[in-house]
């Protein structure tokens, strides 16, 4: 298993969390501001049927994130 960062088990879990609720993966990673942004944008854009874009962005962002 790889260390922290892209492809790590933690990022896979975070991506799965974001799959179910946009922003949850970012919250699991401790990125509170990013979590709130993803959640609110997805909620707002789902009202005009474009929330899937933010939902997908949330999943990819959680999967590719690397701590600095």
N, C-alpha and C. Protein backbone atom coordinates (compact mmCIF):
# COMPACT_ATOMS: atom_id res chain seq x y z
N UNK A 1 0.84 -1.18 0.00
CA UNK A 1 0.00 0.00 0.00
C UNK A 1 0.89 1.24 0.00
N UNK A 2 0.51 2.25 -0.73
CA UNK A 2 1.32 3.46 -0.82
C UNK A 2 1.11 4.35 0.40
N UNK A 3 1.99 5.32 0.58
CA UNK A 3 1.90 6.25 1.70
C UNK A 3 0.81 7.28 1.46
N UNK A 4 0.79 8.33 2.28
CA UNK A 4 -0.24 9.34 2.11
C UNK A 4 -0.12 10.03 0.76
N UNK A 5 -1.23 10.43 0.24
CA UNK A 5 -1.23 11.13 -1.04
C UNK A 5 -2.07 10.40 -2.06
N UNK A 6 -1.95 10.83 -3.28
CA UNK A 6 -2.76 10.28 -4.37
C UNK A 6 -2.61 8.76 -4.46
N UNK A 7 -3.74 8.08 -4.50
CA UNK A 7 -3.74 6.64 -4.62
C UNK A 7 -3.67 5.91 -3.29
N UNK A 8 -3.52 6.65 -2.19
CA UNK A 8 -3.45 6.00 -0.88
C UNK A 8 -4.82 5.48 -0.48
N UNK A 9 -4.84 4.57 0.47
CA UNK A 9 -6.10 4.01 0.95
C UNK A 9 -7.00 5.11 1.50
N UNK A 10 -6.39 6.09 2.18
CA UNK A 10 -7.18 7.20 2.73
C UNK A 10 -7.88 7.99 1.64
N UNK A 11 -7.22 8.19 0.52
CA UNK A 11 -7.84 8.93 -0.58
C UNK A 11 -8.93 8.11 -1.25
N UNK A 12 -8.76 6.80 -1.31
CA UNK A 12 -9.80 5.94 -1.89
C UNK A 12 -11.04 6.01 -1.00
N UNK A 13 -10.85 5.95 0.30
CA UNK A 13 -11.98 6.06 1.23
C UNK A 13 -12.63 7.42 1.10
N UNK A 14 -11.82 8.48 1.00
CA UNK A 14 -12.36 9.84 0.85
C UNK A 14 -13.16 9.97 -0.45
N UNK A 15 -12.65 9.38 -1.52
CA UNK A 15 -13.38 9.43 -2.80
C UNK A 15 -14.71 8.69 -2.69
N UNK A 16 -14.71 7.56 -2.01
CA UNK A 16 -15.97 6.83 -1.81
C UNK A 16 -16.95 7.64 -0.97
N UNK A 17 -16.45 8.33 0.04
CA UNK A 17 -17.32 9.18 0.85
C UNK A 17 -17.94 10.29 -0.01
N UNK A 18 -17.12 10.89 -0.87
CA UNK A 18 -17.63 11.96 -1.74
C UNK A 18 -18.58 11.42 -2.80
N UNK A 19 -18.46 10.14 -3.12
CA UNK A 19 -19.40 9.53 -4.06
C UNK A 19 -20.81 9.58 -3.49
N UNK A 20 -20.93 9.34 -2.19
CA UNK A 20 -22.25 9.32 -1.56
C UNK A 20 -22.74 10.70 -1.18
N UNK A 21 -21.85 11.55 -0.68
CA UNK A 21 -22.22 12.92 -0.31
C UNK A 21 -21.08 13.84 -0.75
N UNK A 22 -21.34 14.73 -1.71
CA UNK A 22 -20.28 15.64 -2.17
C UNK A 22 -19.71 16.43 -0.99
N UNK A 23 -18.39 16.44 -0.89
CA UNK A 23 -17.72 17.17 0.18
C UNK A 23 -17.37 16.31 1.39
N UNK A 24 -18.00 15.16 1.53
CA UNK A 24 -17.72 14.31 2.69
C UNK A 24 -16.29 13.80 2.66
N UNK A 25 -15.78 13.50 1.49
CA UNK A 25 -14.39 13.04 1.38
C UNK A 25 -13.41 14.11 1.81
N UNK A 26 -13.68 15.36 1.43
CA UNK A 26 -12.82 16.46 1.83
C UNK A 26 -12.89 16.65 3.34
N UNK A 27 -14.07 16.46 3.91
CA UNK A 27 -14.23 16.58 5.36
C UNK A 27 -13.44 15.49 6.07
N UNK A 28 -13.47 14.27 5.55
CA UNK A 28 -12.70 13.16 6.11
C UNK A 28 -11.21 13.48 6.07
N UNK A 29 -10.77 14.19 5.05
CA UNK A 29 -9.36 14.56 4.92
C UNK A 29 -8.99 15.78 5.76
N UNK A 30 -9.97 16.37 6.43
CA UNK A 30 -9.71 17.54 7.27
C UNK A 30 -9.74 18.85 6.53
N UNK A 31 -10.23 18.83 5.29
CA UNK A 31 -10.29 20.07 4.48
C UNK A 31 -11.70 20.64 4.58
N UNK A 32 -11.95 21.34 5.68
CA UNK A 32 -13.30 21.80 5.98
C UNK A 32 -13.81 22.80 4.96
N UNK A 33 -13.01 23.79 4.59
CA UNK A 33 -13.46 24.79 3.62
C UNK A 33 -13.82 24.13 2.29
N UNK A 34 -12.96 23.24 1.80
CA UNK A 34 -13.24 22.55 0.53
C UNK A 34 -14.51 21.71 0.65
N UNK A 35 -14.72 21.09 1.81
CA UNK A 35 -15.92 20.26 2.02
C UNK A 35 -17.19 21.11 1.92
N UNK A 36 -17.16 22.27 2.56
CA UNK A 36 -18.33 23.15 2.53
C UNK A 36 -18.59 23.64 1.11
N UNK A 37 -17.53 24.03 0.39
CA UNK A 37 -17.67 24.51 -0.98
C UNK A 37 -18.27 23.42 -1.87
N UNK A 38 -17.74 22.22 -1.80
CA UNK A 38 -18.25 21.12 -2.63
C UNK A 38 -19.70 20.82 -2.30
N UNK A 39 -20.04 20.77 -1.02
CA UNK A 39 -21.40 20.44 -0.62
C UNK A 39 -22.39 21.51 -1.08
N UNK A 40 -22.07 22.77 -0.84
CA UNK A 40 -22.99 23.86 -1.21
C UNK A 40 -23.13 23.98 -2.71
N UNK A 41 -22.01 23.92 -3.44
CA UNK A 41 -22.10 24.01 -4.91
C UNK A 41 -22.93 22.86 -5.49
N UNK A 42 -22.71 21.66 -4.99
CA UNK A 42 -23.47 20.51 -5.49
C UNK A 42 -24.95 20.69 -5.19
N UNK A 43 -25.26 21.13 -3.97
CA UNK A 43 -26.68 21.32 -3.60
C UNK A 43 -27.33 22.38 -4.48
N UNK A 44 -26.64 23.49 -4.70
CA UNK A 44 -27.20 24.56 -5.53
C UNK A 44 -27.36 24.11 -6.98
N UNK A 45 -26.35 23.45 -7.51
CA UNK A 45 -26.40 23.08 -8.92
C UNK A 45 -27.31 21.88 -9.19
N UNK A 46 -27.59 21.05 -8.18
CA UNK A 46 -28.54 19.96 -8.41
C UNK A 46 -29.92 20.51 -8.69
N UNK A 47 -30.20 21.73 -8.23
CA UNK A 47 -31.52 22.31 -8.50
C UNK A 47 -31.72 22.58 -9.99
N UNK A 48 -30.62 22.75 -10.73
CA UNK A 48 -30.74 22.96 -12.18
C UNK A 48 -30.11 21.78 -12.95
N UNK A 49 -30.02 20.65 -12.27
CA UNK A 49 -29.56 19.39 -12.86
C UNK A 49 -28.11 19.41 -13.33
N UNK A 50 -27.30 20.30 -12.76
CA UNK A 50 -25.88 20.30 -13.08
C UNK A 50 -25.02 19.91 -11.88
N UNK A 51 -25.68 19.50 -10.82
CA UNK A 51 -24.96 19.11 -9.62
C UNK A 51 -24.04 17.93 -9.83
N UNK A 52 -24.33 17.11 -10.81
CA UNK A 52 -23.48 15.95 -11.08
C UNK A 52 -22.06 16.38 -11.43
N UNK A 53 -21.91 17.59 -12.01
CA UNK A 53 -20.57 18.08 -12.33
C UNK A 53 -19.75 18.31 -11.06
N UNK A 54 -20.35 18.98 -10.08
CA UNK A 54 -19.66 19.24 -8.82
C UNK A 54 -19.48 17.93 -8.06
N UNK A 55 -20.46 17.05 -8.14
CA UNK A 55 -20.37 15.76 -7.48
C UNK A 55 -19.16 14.99 -8.01
N UNK A 56 -18.99 14.97 -9.31
CA UNK A 56 -17.85 14.30 -9.94
C UNK A 56 -16.54 14.99 -9.56
N UNK A 57 -16.53 16.32 -9.56
CA UNK A 57 -15.36 17.10 -9.16
C UNK A 57 -14.97 16.76 -7.72
N UNK A 58 -15.97 16.62 -6.86
CA UNK A 58 -15.72 16.29 -5.46
C UNK A 58 -15.03 14.94 -5.31
N UNK A 59 -15.49 13.95 -6.06
CA UNK A 59 -14.90 12.61 -6.02
C UNK A 59 -13.45 12.65 -6.50
N UNK A 60 -13.23 13.30 -7.63
CA UNK A 60 -11.88 13.37 -8.21
C UNK A 60 -10.94 14.16 -7.30
N UNK A 61 -11.42 15.25 -6.74
CA UNK A 61 -10.61 16.06 -5.83
C UNK A 61 -10.18 15.27 -4.61
N UNK A 62 -11.08 14.49 -4.04
CA UNK A 62 -10.74 13.67 -2.87
C UNK A 62 -9.73 12.60 -3.25
N UNK A 63 -9.87 12.03 -4.42
CA UNK A 63 -8.98 10.93 -4.85
C UNK A 63 -7.57 11.43 -5.16
N UNK A 64 -7.44 12.64 -5.66
CA UNK A 64 -6.14 13.14 -6.10
C UNK A 64 -5.41 14.01 -5.09
N UNK A 65 -6.03 14.32 -3.97
CA UNK A 65 -5.46 15.25 -3.00
C UNK A 65 -4.19 14.69 -2.39
N UNK A 66 -3.20 15.58 -2.22
CA UNK A 66 -1.95 15.23 -1.55
C UNK A 66 -1.69 16.23 -0.44
N UNK A 67 -1.43 15.76 0.75
CA UNK A 67 -1.10 16.70 1.83
C UNK A 67 0.25 17.37 1.55
N UNK A 68 0.37 18.60 1.98
CA UNK A 68 1.62 19.35 1.73
C UNK A 68 2.55 19.25 2.89
